[in-house]
Amino acid sequence: MADFLAGLPKAELHLHIEGTLEPQFLLERARKHQIQLKYLSLEEVQKAYQFSNLQSFLDIYYLGMEVLRDASDFHDLAWAYFQKAALQGVAHAEIFLDPQAHISRGISIATVMEGLLGAVARARKELHLSIMLIPCFLRHLDEDSALDALHQCLPYRENIVAFGLDSSELGNPPRKFQKAFAKVRELGFRVTTHAGEEGPPSYICDSLDLLGAERIDHGVRCLEDHQLVERLIRQQIPLTVCPLSNKALKVFPDLSKHPIRKMLNLGLLASIHSDDPAYFGGYIGENYSQCEGLVQLTREELALSARNSIRGSFLGKEEKSRLLEKLRRYCESQQVRLP
């Protein structure tokens, strides 16, 4: 099974690059920049990477970003992720970043993008990965801050495929950002939003209707609204589901209770991703393997997730077709029938 999953061509559509900050990397960069952390050892950092809900995670998530100071930090962070992704069968990755979290602490977008784009170019050349970037607006901040971040990202628009919405969901409904996403769409970017993780199903509806979202990140709470489920199936709206994240943040009590199998079998365009893997216990490969073990997904269902991930990507028609054909040939070689 491990070999099957490693070879299974897939797209990673829900990955926060700042969420790949491993404890060892955190300590190394703190020493490099002479930053005094409240954690003195690797064991203390690992213990701190245990959470009770989304906000408890976000508190340390933003604290960890303090060690990202220069372009080489962003380059090395992304390069480490790309190497892992390539080993786990990722053929295409659409990477989230949080510009406001860096701007607010005096790190320029130029510094962030110089580092990330250097790693992207290297991964394309050396690992043959297809990569797109998606800056996200932080929903706990106001819309003016989002619009400012959008403006600061525009010099790099050729390297950006879409804009997203992330951070604290409860109490920060999609309607806060209608003007920002109207501008995003006017400029020709795609739209994806986090919704239906801790927030109610109505946040998914509002993301689609008020923000023009083409893809929903998480979306697991859609199952509470039968009409919404029917709409998502009918319109084939992609849902980027993150099982280990949902387990770590107590969205579900344990992985065996996760609804990813139900979502796939209902015909939702759901697929498996890793979210913030350094914090949640695994990258995309671990998410797939633990879903196989604890959710008891079959090889056919795992292959369906991979197909849905490619279909749900922002790739052009030709590139999607190429990757889907690669997946078809792989499944045929493994005697796995795609549903």
C-alpha atoms as a PDB file:
ATOM      1  CA  MET A   1       0.000   0.000   0.000  1.00  0.00           C
ATOM      2  CA  ALA A   2       2.831   2.422   0.826  1.00  0.00           C
ATOM      3  CA  ASP A   3       4.338   1.930  -2.633  1.00  0.00           C
ATOM      4  CA  PHE A   4       0.920   2.284  -4.266  1.00  0.00           C
ATOM      5  CA  LEU A   5       0.234   5.581  -2.505  1.00  0.00           C
ATOM      6  CA  ALA A   6       3.697   6.985  -3.207  1.00  0.00           C
ATOM      7  CA  GLY A   7       3.248   6.300  -6.900  1.00  0.00           C
ATOM      8  CA  LEU A   8      -0.353   7.519  -7.095  1.00  0.00           C
ATOM      9  CA  PRO A   9      -0.307  10.778  -9.131  1.00  0.00           C
ATOM     10  CA  LYS A  10      -2.154  13.446  -7.184  1.00  0.00           C
ATOM     11  CA  ALA A  11      -2.544  17.191  -6.738  1.00  0.00           C
ATOM     12  CA  GLU A  12      -2.063  18.986  -3.419  1.00  0.00           C
ATOM     13  CA  LEU A  13      -4.598  21.824  -3.310  1.00  0.00           C
ATOM     14  CA  HIS A  14      -4.747  22.652   0.398  1.00  0.00           C
ATOM     15  CA  LEU A  15      -1.276  23.314   1.781  1.00  0.00           C
ATOM     16  CA  HIS A  16      -0.169  26.384   3.736  1.00  0.00           C
ATOM     17  CA  ILE A  17       3.538  26.815   3.146  1.00  0.00           C
ATOM     18  CA  GLU A  18       3.939  28.407   6.577  1.00  0.00           C
ATOM     19  CA  GLY A  19       2.312  25.260   7.960  1.00  0.00           C
ATOM     20  CA  THR A  20       5.269  23.138   6.834  1.00  0.00           C
ATOM     21  CA  LEU A  21       7.500  24.729   9.496  1.00  0.00           C
ATOM     22  CA  GLU A  22       8.867  21.683  11.279  1.00  0.00           C
ATOM     23  CA  PRO A  23      10.064  21.977  14.917  1.00  0.00           C
ATOM     24  CA  GLN A  24      13.719  21.466  13.948  1.00  0.00           C
ATOM     25  CA  PHE A  25      13.473  24.178  11.278  1.00  0.00           C
ATOM     26  CA  LEU A  26      11.857  26.524  13.829  1.00  0.00           C
ATOM     27  CA  LEU A  27      14.729  26.078  16.280  1.00  0.00           C
ATOM     28  CA  GLU A  28      17.421  26.383  13.606  1.00  0.00           C
ATOM     29  CA  ARG A  29      16.043  29.647  12.213  1.00  0.00           C
ATOM     30  CA  ALA A  30      15.495  31.054  15.711  1.00  0.00           C
ATOM     31  CA  ARG A  31      19.202  30.492  16.389  1.00  0.00           C
ATOM     32  CA  LYS A  32      20.140  31.966  13.006  1.00  0.00           C
ATOM     33  CA  HIS A  33      18.213  35.189  13.681  1.00  0.00           C
ATOM     34  CA  GLN A  34      18.955  35.241  17.438  1.00  0.00           C
ATOM     35  CA  ILE A  35      15.271  35.037  18.317  1.00  0.00           C
ATOM     36  CA  GLN A  36      14.478  34.064  21.888  1.00  0.00           C
ATOM     37  CA  LEU A  37      11.715  31.454  21.817  1.00  0.00           C
ATOM     38  CA  LYS A  38       9.823  30.298  24.876  1.00  0.00           C
ATOM     39  CA  TYR A  39      10.659  26.737  23.783  1.00  0.00           C
ATOM     40  CA  LEU A  40      14.148  25.575  24.709  1.00  0.00           C
ATOM     41  CA  SER A  41      14.216  22.124  23.148  1.00  0.00           C
ATOM     42  CA  LEU A  42      12.852  20.076  20.292  1.00  0.00           C
ATOM     43  CA  GLU A  43      10.718  18.155  22.774  1.00  0.00           C
ATOM     44  CA  GLU A  44       9.125  21.361  24.080  1.00  0.00           C
ATOM     45  CA  VAL A  45       8.259  22.500  20.555  1.00  0.00           C
ATOM     46  CA  GLN A  46       6.789  19.119  19.688  1.00  0.00           C
ATOM     47  CA  LYS A  47       4.692  19.212  22.858  1.00  0.00           C
ATOM     48  CA  ALA A  48       3.433  22.683  21.918  1.00  0.00           C
ATOM     49  CA  TYR A  49       2.275  21.303  18.546  1.00  0.00           C
ATOM     50  CA  GLN A  50      -0.790  19.795  20.251  1.00  0.00           C
ATOM     51  CA  PHE A  51      -4.080  21.642  19.866  1.00  0.00           C
ATOM     52  CA  SER A  52      -7.634  21.708  21.150  1.00  0.00           C
ATOM     53  CA  ASN A  53      -9.215  23.779  18.358  1.00  0.00           C
ATOM     54  CA  LEU A  54      -8.453  26.020  15.394  1.00  0.00           C
ATOM     55  CA  GLN A  55      -7.581  29.082  17.486  1.00  0.00           C
ATOM     56  CA  SER A  56      -5.120  27.218  19.716  1.00  0.00           C
ATOM     57  CA  PHE A  57      -3.325  26.125  16.557  1.00  0.00           C
ATOM     58  CA  LEU A  58      -3.357  29.607  15.016  1.00  0.00           C
ATOM     59  CA  ASP A  59      -1.767  31.094  18.123  1.00  0.00           C
ATOM     60  CA  ILE A  60       1.409  29.028  17.689  1.00  0.00           C
ATOM     61  CA  TYR A  61       1.161  29.112  13.882  1.00  0.00           C
ATOM     62  CA  TYR A  62       1.604  32.890  13.835  1.00  0.00           C
ATOM     63  CA  LEU A  63       4.242  32.733  16.568  1.00  0.00           C
ATOM     64  CA  GLY A  64       6.274  30.285  14.496  1.00  0.00           C
ATOM     65  CA  MET A  65       6.331  32.642  11.542  1.00  0.00           C
ATOM     66  CA  GLU A  66       8.588  34.977  13.527  1.00  0.00           C
ATOM     67  CA  VAL A  67      11.607  32.912  12.465  1.00  0.00           C
ATOM     68  CA  LEU A  68      10.914  33.560   8.766  1.00  0.00           C
ATOM     69  CA  ARG A  69      12.927  36.723   8.187  1.00  0.00           C
ATOM     70  CA  ASP A  70      14.813  36.629   4.890  1.00  0.00           C
ATOM     71  CA  ALA A  71      14.396  35.177   1.415  1.00  0.00           C
ATOM     72  CA  SER A  72      16.528  32.130   2.209  1.00  0.00           C
ATOM     73  CA  ASP A  73      14.144  31.173   5.029  1.00  0.00           C
ATOM     74  CA  PHE A  74      11.185  31.122   2.658  1.00  0.00           C
ATOM     75  CA  HIS A  75      13.222  29.335  -0.010  1.00  0.00           C
ATOM     76  CA  ASP A  76      14.412  26.608   2.355  1.00  0.00           C
ATOM     77  CA  LEU A  77      10.960  26.144   3.890  1.00  0.00           C
ATOM     78  CA  ALA A  78       9.340  25.680   0.478  1.00  0.00           C
ATOM     79  CA  TRP A  79      12.152  23.534  -0.930  1.00  0.00           C
ATOM     80  CA  ALA A  80      11.866  21.122   1.997  1.00  0.00           C
ATOM     81  CA  TYR A  81       8.133  20.789   1.320  1.00  0.00           C
ATOM     82  CA  PHE A  82       8.571  20.293  -2.430  1.00  0.00           C
ATOM     83  CA  GLN A  83      11.025  17.441  -1.856  1.00  0.00           C
ATOM     84  CA  LYS A  84       8.555  15.671   0.448  1.00  0.00           C
ATOM     85  CA  ALA A  85       5.676  16.261  -1.966  1.00  0.00           C
ATOM     86  CA  ALA A  86       7.591  14.794  -4.904  1.00  0.00           C
ATOM     87  CA  LEU A  87       8.385  11.645  -2.900  1.00  0.00           C
ATOM     88  CA  GLN A  88       4.691  11.261  -2.031  1.00  0.00           C
ATOM     89  CA  GLY A  89       3.357  11.322  -5.565  1.00  0.00           C
ATOM     90  CA  VAL A  90       2.372  14.992  -5.851  1.00  0.00           C
ATOM     91  CA  ALA A  91       2.479  15.992  -9.506  1.00  0.00           C
ATOM     92  CA  HIS A  92       0.867  19.408  -9.071  1.00  0.00           C
ATOM     93  CA  ALA A  93       0.750  21.679  -6.006  1.00  0.00           C
ATOM     94  CA  GLU A  94      -1.228  24.840  -5.356  1.00  0.00           C
ATOM     95  CA  ILE A  95       0.413  26.504  -2.371  1.00  0.00           C
ATOM     96  CA  PHE A  96      -1.231  28.923   0.063  1.00  0.00           C
ATOM     97  CA  LEU A  97       0.728  31.771   1.649  1.00  0.00           C
ATOM     98  CA  ASP A  98      -0.346  34.447   4.138  1.00  0.00           C
ATOM     99  CA  PRO A  99       1.018  37.848   3.017  1.00  0.00           C
ATOM    100  CA  GLN A 100      -0.604  39.847   5.839  1.00  0.00           C
ATOM    101  CA  ALA A 101       1.097  37.712   8.481  1.00  0.00           C
ATOM    102  CA  HIS A 102       4.463  38.776   7.052  1.00  0.00           C
ATOM    103  CA  ILE A 103       3.623  42.391   6.165  1.00  0.00           C
ATOM    104  CA  SER A 104       2.406  43.000   9.734  1.00  0.00           C
ATOM    105  CA  ARG A 105       5.822  42.084  11.158  1.00  0.00           C
ATOM    106  CA  GLY A 106       7.832  44.149   8.686  1.00  0.00           C
ATOM    107  CA  ILE A 107       8.702  41.461   6.141  1.00  0.00           C
ATOM    108  CA  SER A 108       8.114  42.688   2.602  1.00  0.00           C
ATOM    109  CA  ILE A 109       6.202  40.773  -0.037  1.00  0.00           C
ATOM    110  CA  ALA A 110       9.354  41.062  -2.156  1.00  0.00           C
ATOM    111  CA  THR A 111      11.303  39.068   0.453  1.00  0.00           C
ATOM    112  CA  VAL A 112       8.593  36.409   0.697  1.00  0.00           C
ATOM    113  CA  MET A 113       8.192  36.032  -3.043  1.00  0.00           C
ATOM    114  CA  GLU A 114      11.912  36.057  -3.806  1.00  0.00           C
ATOM    115  CA  GLY A 115      12.378  33.069  -1.544  1.00  0.00           C
ATOM    116  CA  LEU A 116       9.275  31.158  -2.614  1.00  0.00           C
ATOM    117  CA  LEU A 117       9.759  31.730  -6.335  1.00  0.00           C
ATOM    118  CA  GLY A 118      13.367  30.594  -6.109  1.00  0.00           C
ATOM    119  CA  ALA A 119      12.204  27.315  -4.569  1.00  0.00           C
ATOM    120  CA  VAL A 120       9.381  27.004  -7.121  1.00  0.00           C
ATOM    121  CA  ALA A 121      11.807  27.405 -10.027  1.00  0.00           C
ATOM    122  CA  ARG A 122      14.143  24.830  -8.513  1.00  0.00           C
ATOM    123  CA  ALA A 123      11.311  22.340  -7.890  1.00  0.00           C
ATOM    124  CA  ARG A 124      10.031  22.708 -11.430  1.00  0.00           C
ATOM    125  CA  LYS A 125      13.499  22.048 -12.839  1.00  0.00           C
ATOM    126  CA  GLU A 126      14.826  19.383 -10.478  1.00  0.00           C
ATOM    127  CA  LEU A 127      11.645  17.633  -9.319  1.00  0.00           C
ATOM    128  CA  HIS A 128       9.438  18.246 -12.364  1.00  0.00           C
ATOM    129  CA  LEU A 129       6.641  19.561 -10.158  1.00  0.00           C
ATOM    130  CA  SER A 130       3.856  21.771 -11.448  1.00  0.00           C
ATOM    131  CA  ILE A 131       3.309  24.570  -8.889  1.00  0.00           C
ATOM    132  CA  MET A 132       0.928  27.518  -8.471  1.00  0.00           C
ATOM    133  CA  LEU A 133       0.761  30.122  -5.687  1.00  0.00           C
ATOM    134  CA  ILE A 134      -2.378  31.294  -3.858  1.00  0.00           C
ATOM    135  CA  PRO A 135      -2.074  34.193  -1.396  1.00  0.00           C
ATOM    136  CA  CYS A 136      -4.822  34.143   1.249  1.00  0.00           C
ATOM    137  CA  PHE A 137      -6.540  36.947   3.120  1.00  0.00           C
ATOM    138  CA  LEU A 138      -6.646  36.567   6.892  1.00  0.00           C
ATOM    139  CA  ARG A 139     -10.319  36.638   7.819  1.00  0.00           C
ATOM    140  CA  HIS A 140      -9.732  37.847  11.401  1.00  0.00           C
ATOM    141  CA  LEU A 141      -8.405  41.117   9.920  1.00  0.00           C
ATOM    142  CA  ASP A 142     -10.545  43.718   8.171  1.00  0.00           C
ATOM    143  CA  GLU A 143     -11.269  44.073   4.479  1.00  0.00           C
ATOM    144  CA  ASP A 144      -9.019  47.113   4.060  1.00  0.00           C
ATOM    145  CA  SER A 145      -6.076  44.981   5.151  1.00  0.00           C
ATOM    146  CA  ALA A 146      -7.069  42.350   2.587  1.00  0.00           C
ATOM    147  CA  LEU A 147      -7.256  44.960  -0.177  1.00  0.00           C
ATOM    148  CA  ASP A 148      -3.825  46.303   0.800  1.00  0.00           C
ATOM    149  CA  ALA A 149      -2.365  42.777   0.657  1.00  0.00           C
ATOM    150  CA  LEU A 150      -3.949  42.264  -2.755  1.00  0.00           C
ATOM    151  CA  HIS A 151      -2.352  45.475  -4.017  1.00  0.00           C
ATOM    152  CA  GLN A 152       1.076  44.482  -2.669  1.00  0.00           C
ATOM    153  CA  CYS A 153       0.846  41.094  -4.397  1.00  0.00           C
ATOM    154  CA  LEU A 154       0.040  42.505  -7.835  1.00  0.00           C
ATOM    155  CA  PRO A 155       3.684  42.958  -8.963  1.00  0.00           C
ATOM    156  CA  TYR A 156       3.841  39.130  -8.804  1.00  0.00           C
ATOM    157  CA  ARG A 157       0.523  38.481 -10.519  1.00  0.00           C
ATOM    158  CA  GLU A 158       2.106  36.300 -13.224  1.00  0.00           C
ATOM    159  CA  ASN A 159       3.032  33.816 -10.487  1.00  0.00           C
ATOM    160  CA  ILE A 160      -0.365  33.886  -8.742  1.00  0.00           C
ATOM    161  CA  VAL A 161      -3.347  31.827  -9.919  1.00  0.00           C
ATOM    162  CA  ALA A 162      -5.919  32.661  -7.238  1.00  0.00           C
ATOM    163  CA  PHE A 163      -6.618  34.310  -3.897  1.00  0.00           C
ATOM    164  CA  GLY A 164      -8.012  32.520  -0.880  1.00  0.00           C
ATOM    165  CA  LEU A 165      -9.508  33.215   2.539  1.00  0.00           C
ATOM    166  CA  ASP A 166      -8.203  31.531   5.693  1.00  0.00           C
ATOM    167  CA  SER A 167      -7.535  31.940   9.441  1.00  0.00           C
ATOM    168  CA  SER A 168     -10.143  32.085  12.249  1.00  0.00           C
ATOM    169  CA  GLU A 169     -13.468  31.036  10.756  1.00  0.00           C
ATOM    170  CA  LEU A 170     -15.897  31.456  13.652  1.00  0.00           C
ATOM    171  CA  GLY A 171     -17.229  34.995  13.836  1.00  0.00           C
ATOM    172  CA  ASN A 172     -15.615  35.977  10.537  1.00  0.00           C
ATOM    173  CA  PRO A 173     -18.218  35.220   7.852  1.00  0.00           C
ATOM    174  CA  PRO A 174     -17.459  35.422   4.131  1.00  0.00           C
ATOM    175  CA  ARG A 175     -19.641  38.512   3.733  1.00  0.00           C
ATOM    176  CA  LYS A 176     -16.872  40.567   5.397  1.00  0.00           C
ATOM    177  CA  PHE A 177     -14.836  40.263   2.204  1.00  0.00           C
ATOM    178  CA  GLN A 178     -17.244  40.863  -0.659  1.00  0.00           C
ATOM    179  CA  LYS A 179     -15.437  43.960  -1.916  1.00  0.00           C
ATOM    180  CA  ALA A 180     -12.010  42.299  -1.769  1.00  0.00           C
ATOM    181  CA  PHE A 181     -13.091  39.254  -3.746  1.00  0.00           C
ATOM    182  CA  ALA A 182     -15.031  41.350  -6.247  1.00  0.00           C
ATOM    183  CA  LYS A 183     -11.689  43.049  -6.954  1.00  0.00           C
ATOM    184  CA  VAL A 184      -9.918  39.675  -7.112  1.00  0.00           C
ATOM    185  CA  ARG A 185     -12.376  38.459  -9.740  1.00  0.00           C
ATOM    186  CA  GLU A 186     -12.220  41.757 -11.642  1.00  0.00           C
ATOM    187  CA  LEU A 187      -8.443  41.310 -11.920  1.00  0.00           C
ATOM    188  CA  GLY A 188      -8.920  37.849 -13.417  1.00  0.00           C
ATOM    189  CA  PHE A 189      -7.821  35.672 -10.496  1.00  0.00           C
ATOM    190  CA  ARG A 190      -9.567  32.490  -9.376  1.00  0.00           C
ATOM    191  CA  VAL A 191     -11.195  32.253  -5.927  1.00  0.00           C
ATOM    192  CA  THR A 192     -11.000  29.586  -3.218  1.00  0.00           C
ATOM    193  CA  THR A 193     -12.109  29.989   0.398  1.00  0.00           C
ATOM    194  CA  HIS A 194     -11.854  28.109   3.677  1.00  0.00           C
ATOM    195  CA  ALA A 195     -15.403  27.374   4.828  1.00  0.00           C
ATOM    196  CA  GLY A 196     -17.358  24.713   6.668  1.00  0.00           C
ATOM    197  CA  GLU A 197     -14.524  23.572   8.952  1.00  0.00           C
ATOM    198  CA  GLU A 198     -15.558  25.155  12.261  1.00  0.00           C
ATOM    199  CA  GLY A 199     -18.008  27.541  10.625  1.00  0.00           C
ATOM    200  CA  PRO A 200     -21.553  26.468   9.654  1.00  0.00           C
ATOM    201  CA  PRO A 201     -22.713  25.223   6.239  1.00  0.00           C
ATOM    202  CA  SER A 202     -24.050  28.716   5.520  1.00  0.00           C
ATOM    203  CA  TYR A 203     -20.441  29.915   5.273  1.00  0.00           C
ATOM    204  CA  ILE A 204     -20.015  27.548   2.323  1.00  0.00           C
ATOM    205  CA  CYS A 205     -23.125  28.939   0.632  1.00  0.00           C
ATOM    206  CA  ASP A 206     -22.007  32.519   1.238  1.00  0.00           C
ATOM    207  CA  SER A 207     -18.522  31.766  -0.089  1.00  0.00           C
ATOM    208  CA  LEU A 208     -20.093  30.539  -3.326  1.00  0.00           C
ATOM    209  CA  ASP A 209     -22.792  33.190  -3.636  1.00  0.00           C
ATOM    210  CA  LEU A 210     -21.149  36.306  -2.170  1.00  0.00           C
ATOM    211  CA  LEU A 211     -17.462  35.774  -2.912  1.00  0.00           C
ATOM    212  CA  GLY A 212     -17.659  33.786  -6.140  1.00  0.00           C
ATOM    213  CA  ALA A 213     -15.645  30.883  -4.752  1.00  0.00           C
ATOM    214  CA  GLU A 214     -14.917  28.147  -7.278  1.00  0.00           C
ATOM    215  CA  ARG A 215     -13.478  25.792  -4.665  1.00  0.00           C
ATOM    216  CA  ILE A 216     -14.106  25.246  -0.964  1.00  0.00           C
ATOM    217  CA  ASP A 217     -11.245  24.413   1.395  1.00  0.00           C
ATOM    218  CA  HIS A 218     -12.389  21.935   4.062  1.00  0.00           C
ATOM    219  CA  GLY A 219     -16.176  21.987   3.561  1.00  0.00           C
ATOM    220  CA  VAL A 220     -16.790  18.956   5.772  1.00  0.00           C
ATOM    221  CA  ARG A 221     -19.788  20.558   7.472  1.00  0.00           C
ATOM    222  CA  CYS A 222     -21.659  20.604   4.176  1.00  0.00           C
ATOM    223  CA  LEU A 223     -23.039  17.230   5.237  1.00  0.00           C
ATOM    224  CA  GLU A 224     -25.278  19.003   7.751  1.00  0.00           C
ATOM    225  CA  ASP A 225     -27.254  20.605   4.895  1.00  0.00           C
ATOM    226  CA  HIS A 226     -28.849  18.182   2.433  1.00  0.00           C
ATOM    227  CA  GLN A 227     -29.696  20.882  -0.124  1.00  0.00           C
ATOM    228  CA  LEU A 228     -26.122  22.182  -0.026  1.00  0.00           C
ATOM    229  CA  VAL A 229     -24.768  18.673  -0.593  1.00  0.00           C
ATOM    230  CA  GLU A 230     -27.030  18.301  -3.621  1.00  0.00           C
ATOM    231  CA  ARG A 231     -25.810  21.630  -4.968  1.00  0.00           C
ATOM    232  CA  LEU A 232     -22.138  20.756  -4.472  1.00  0.00           C
ATOM    233  CA  ILE A 233     -22.650  17.448  -6.267  1.00  0.00           C
ATOM    234  CA  ARG A 234     -24.648  18.989  -9.070  1.00  0.00           C
ATOM    235  CA  GLN A 235     -22.155  21.821  -9.671  1.00  0.00           C
ATOM    236  CA  GLN A 236     -19.123  19.625  -8.891  1.00  0.00           C
ATOM    237  CA  ILE A 237     -17.607  22.217  -6.568  1.00  0.00           C
ATOM    238  CA  PRO A 238     -14.231  20.901  -5.367  1.00  0.00           C
ATOM    239  CA  LEU A 239     -13.816  20.334  -1.616  1.00  0.00           C
ATOM    240  CA  THR A 240     -10.233  20.125  -0.357  1.00  0.00           C
ATOM    241  CA  VAL A 241     -10.524  17.946   2.739  1.00  0.00           C
ATOM    242  CA  CYS A 242      -7.755  17.635   5.348  1.00  0.00           C
ATOM    243  CA  PRO A 243      -8.371  14.576   7.554  1.00  0.00           C
ATOM    244  CA  LEU A 244      -5.364  14.794   9.899  1.00  0.00           C
ATOM    245  CA  SER A 245      -6.008  18.500  10.377  1.00  0.00           C
ATOM    246  CA  ASN A 246      -9.651  17.810  11.222  1.00  0.00           C
ATOM    247  CA  LYS A 247      -8.538  15.213  13.768  1.00  0.00           C
ATOM    248  CA  ALA A 248      -5.871  17.459  15.340  1.00  0.00           C
ATOM    249  CA  LEU A 249      -8.253  20.414  15.683  1.00  0.00           C
ATOM    250  CA  LYS A 250     -11.042  18.249  17.105  1.00  0.00           C
ATOM    251  CA  VAL A 251     -13.440  18.804  14.214  1.00  0.00           C
ATOM    252  CA  PHE A 252     -13.987  15.040  14.555  1.00  0.00           C
ATOM    253  CA  PRO A 253     -13.127  13.029  17.693  1.00  0.00           C
ATOM    254  CA  ASP A 254     -10.886  10.617  15.812  1.00  0.00           C
ATOM    255  CA  LEU A 255     -10.007   9.725  12.258  1.00  0.00           C
ATOM    256  CA  SER A 256     -12.260   6.679  12.145  1.00  0.00           C
ATOM    257  CA  LYS A 257     -15.215   9.082  12.439  1.00  0.00           C
ATOM    258  CA  HIS A 258     -14.083  11.224   9.513  1.00  0.00           C
ATOM    259  CA  PRO A 259     -16.673  11.509   6.692  1.00  0.00           C
ATOM    260  CA  ILE A 260     -14.260  11.511   3.736  1.00  0.00           C
ATOM    261  CA  ARG A 261     -15.454   8.077   2.590  1.00  0.00           C
ATOM    262  CA  LYS A 262     -19.084   9.188   2.721  1.00  0.00           C
ATOM    263  CA  MET A 263     -18.207  12.356   0.810  1.00  0.00           C
ATOM    264  CA  LEU A 264     -16.474  10.404  -1.945  1.00  0.00           C
ATOM    265  CA  ASN A 265     -19.267   7.863  -2.248  1.00  0.00           C
ATOM    266  CA  LEU A 266     -21.964  10.530  -2.381  1.00  0.00           C
ATOM    267  CA  GLY A 267     -20.347  11.931  -5.505  1.00  0.00           C
ATOM    268  CA  LEU A 268     -18.915  15.100  -3.953  1.00  0.00           C
ATOM    269  CA  LEU A 269     -15.762  16.315  -5.687  1.00  0.00           C
ATOM    270  CA  ALA A 270     -13.795  15.808  -2.467  1.00  0.00           C
ATOM    271  CA  SER A 271     -10.097  15.052  -2.226  1.00  0.00           C
ATOM    272  CA  ILE A 272      -7.483  14.523   0.492  1.00  0.00           C
ATOM    273  CA  HIS A 273      -4.847  17.127   1.426  1.00  0.00           C
ATOM    274  CA  SER A 274      -2.575  18.034   4.333  1.00  0.00           C
ATOM    275  CA  ASP A 275      -3.316  21.671   5.358  1.00  0.00           C
ATOM    276  CA  ASP A 276      -0.485  22.434   7.854  1.00  0.00           C
ATOM    277  CA  PRO A 277       1.400  19.138   7.920  1.00  0.00           C
ATOM    278  CA  ALA A 278       4.184  20.074  10.334  1.00  0.00           C
ATOM    279  CA  TYR A 279       1.570  20.822  12.973  1.00  0.00           C
ATOM    280  CA  PHE A 280      -0.998  18.119  12.244  1.00  0.00           C
ATOM    281  CA  GLY A 281       1.024  14.936  12.088  1.00  0.00           C
ATOM    282  CA  GLY A 282       1.649  14.321   8.422  1.00  0.00           C
ATOM    283  CA  TYR A 283       1.965  15.393   4.816  1.00  0.00           C
ATOM    284  CA  ILE A 284      -0.307  14.294   2.000  1.00  0.00           C
ATOM    285  CA  GLY A 285       1.146  10.775   1.990  1.00  0.00           C
ATOM    286  CA  GLU A 286       0.373  10.319   5.679  1.00  0.00           C
ATOM    287  CA  ASN A 287      -3.143  11.678   5.150  1.00  0.00           C
ATOM    288  CA  TYR A 288      -3.755   9.131   2.397  1.00  0.00           C
ATOM    289  CA  SER A 289      -2.212   6.226   4.324  1.00  0.00           C
ATOM    290  CA  GLN A 290      -4.061   6.957   7.565  1.00  0.00           C
ATOM    291  CA  CYS A 291      -7.336   7.282   5.680  1.00  0.00           C
ATOM    292  CA  GLU A 292      -6.634   3.871   4.185  1.00  0.00           C
ATOM    293  CA  GLY A 293      -5.962   2.414   7.607  1.00  0.00           C
ATOM    294  CA  LEU A 294      -8.455   4.138   9.910  1.00  0.00           C
ATOM    295  CA  VAL A 295     -11.215   5.246   7.523  1.00  0.00           C
ATOM    296  CA  GLN A 296     -10.685   2.029   5.544  1.00  0.00           C
ATOM    297  CA  LEU A 297     -10.632   3.682   2.143  1.00  0.00           C
ATOM    298  CA  THR A 298     -10.102   1.175  -0.658  1.00  0.00           C
ATOM    299  CA  ARG A 299      -7.515   1.612  -3.398  1.00  0.00           C
ATOM    300  CA  GLU A 300     -10.346   2.628  -5.699  1.00  0.00           C
ATOM    301  CA  GLU A 301     -11.503   5.327  -3.274  1.00  0.00           C
ATOM    302  CA  LEU A 302      -7.952   6.580  -2.793  1.00  0.00           C
ATOM    303  CA  ALA A 303      -7.562   6.759  -6.572  1.00  0.00           C
ATOM    304  CA  LEU A 304     -10.894   8.610  -6.757  1.00  0.00           C
ATOM    305  CA  SER A 305      -9.538  11.196  -4.309  1.00  0.00           C
ATOM    306  CA  ALA A 306      -6.468  11.610  -6.516  1.00  0.00           C
ATOM    307  CA  ARG A 307      -8.656  12.043  -9.598  1.00  0.00           C
ATOM    308  CA  ASN A 308     -10.842  14.574  -7.797  1.00  0.00           C
ATOM    309  CA  SER A 309      -7.758  16.532  -6.760  1.00  0.00           C
ATOM    310  CA  ILE A 310      -6.648  16.873 -10.370  1.00  0.00           C
ATOM    311  CA  ARG A 311     -10.140  17.753 -11.545  1.00  0.00           C
ATOM    312  CA  GLY A 312     -10.458  20.323  -8.745  1.00  0.00           C
ATOM    313  CA  SER A 313      -7.191  22.069  -9.558  1.00  0.00           C
ATOM    314  CA  PHE A 314      -6.809  25.413 -11.325  1.00  0.00           C
ATOM    315  CA  LEU A 315      -4.787  23.805 -14.119  1.00  0.00           C
ATOM    316  CA  GLY A 316      -5.835  24.419 -17.692  1.00  0.00           C
ATOM    317  CA  LYS A 317      -7.808  21.808 -19.596  1.00  0.00           C
ATOM    318  CA  GLU A 318      -4.778  20.392 -21.416  1.00  0.00           C
ATOM    319  CA  GLU A 319      -2.682  19.971 -18.258  1.00  0.00           C
ATOM    320  CA  LYS A 320      -5.591  18.394 -16.403  1.00  0.00           C
ATOM    321  CA  SER A 321      -6.095  15.930 -19.221  1.00  0.00           C
ATOM    322  CA  ARG A 322      -2.405  15.037 -19.185  1.00  0.00           C
ATOM    323  CA  LEU A 323      -2.392  14.347 -15.440  1.00  0.00           C
ATOM    324  CA  LEU A 324      -5.681  12.446 -15.565  1.00  0.00           C
ATOM    325  CA  GLU A 325      -4.256  10.231 -18.285  1.00  0.00           C
ATOM    326  CA  LYS A 326      -1.138   9.670 -16.179  1.00  0.00           C
ATOM    327  CA  LEU A 327      -3.388   8.662 -13.282  1.00  0.00           C
ATOM    328  CA  ARG A 328      -5.458   6.357 -15.516  1.00  0.00           C
ATOM    329  CA  ARG A 329      -2.356   4.562 -16.771  1.00  0.00           C
ATOM    330  CA  TYR A 330      -1.015   4.204 -13.238  1.00  0.00           C
ATOM    331  CA  CYS A 331      -4.261   2.716 -11.949  1.00  0.00           C
ATOM    332  CA  GLU A 332      -4.384   0.346 -14.892  1.00  0.00           C
ATOM    333  CA  SER A 333      -0.832  -0.816 -14.109  1.00  0.00           C
ATOM    334  CA  GLN A 334      -1.892  -1.438 -10.489  1.00  0.00           C
ATOM    335  CA  GLN A 335      -5.118  -3.187 -11.526  1.00  0.00           C
ATOM    336  CA  VAL A 336      -7.177  -0.532  -9.760  1.00  0.00           C
ATOM    337  CA  ARG A 337     -10.464   0.454 -11.336  1.00  0.00           C
ATOM    338  CA  LEU A 338     -11.327   4.128 -11.148  1.00  0.00           C
ATOM    339  CA  PRO A 339     -15.016   4.519 -10.200  1.00  0.00           C
END
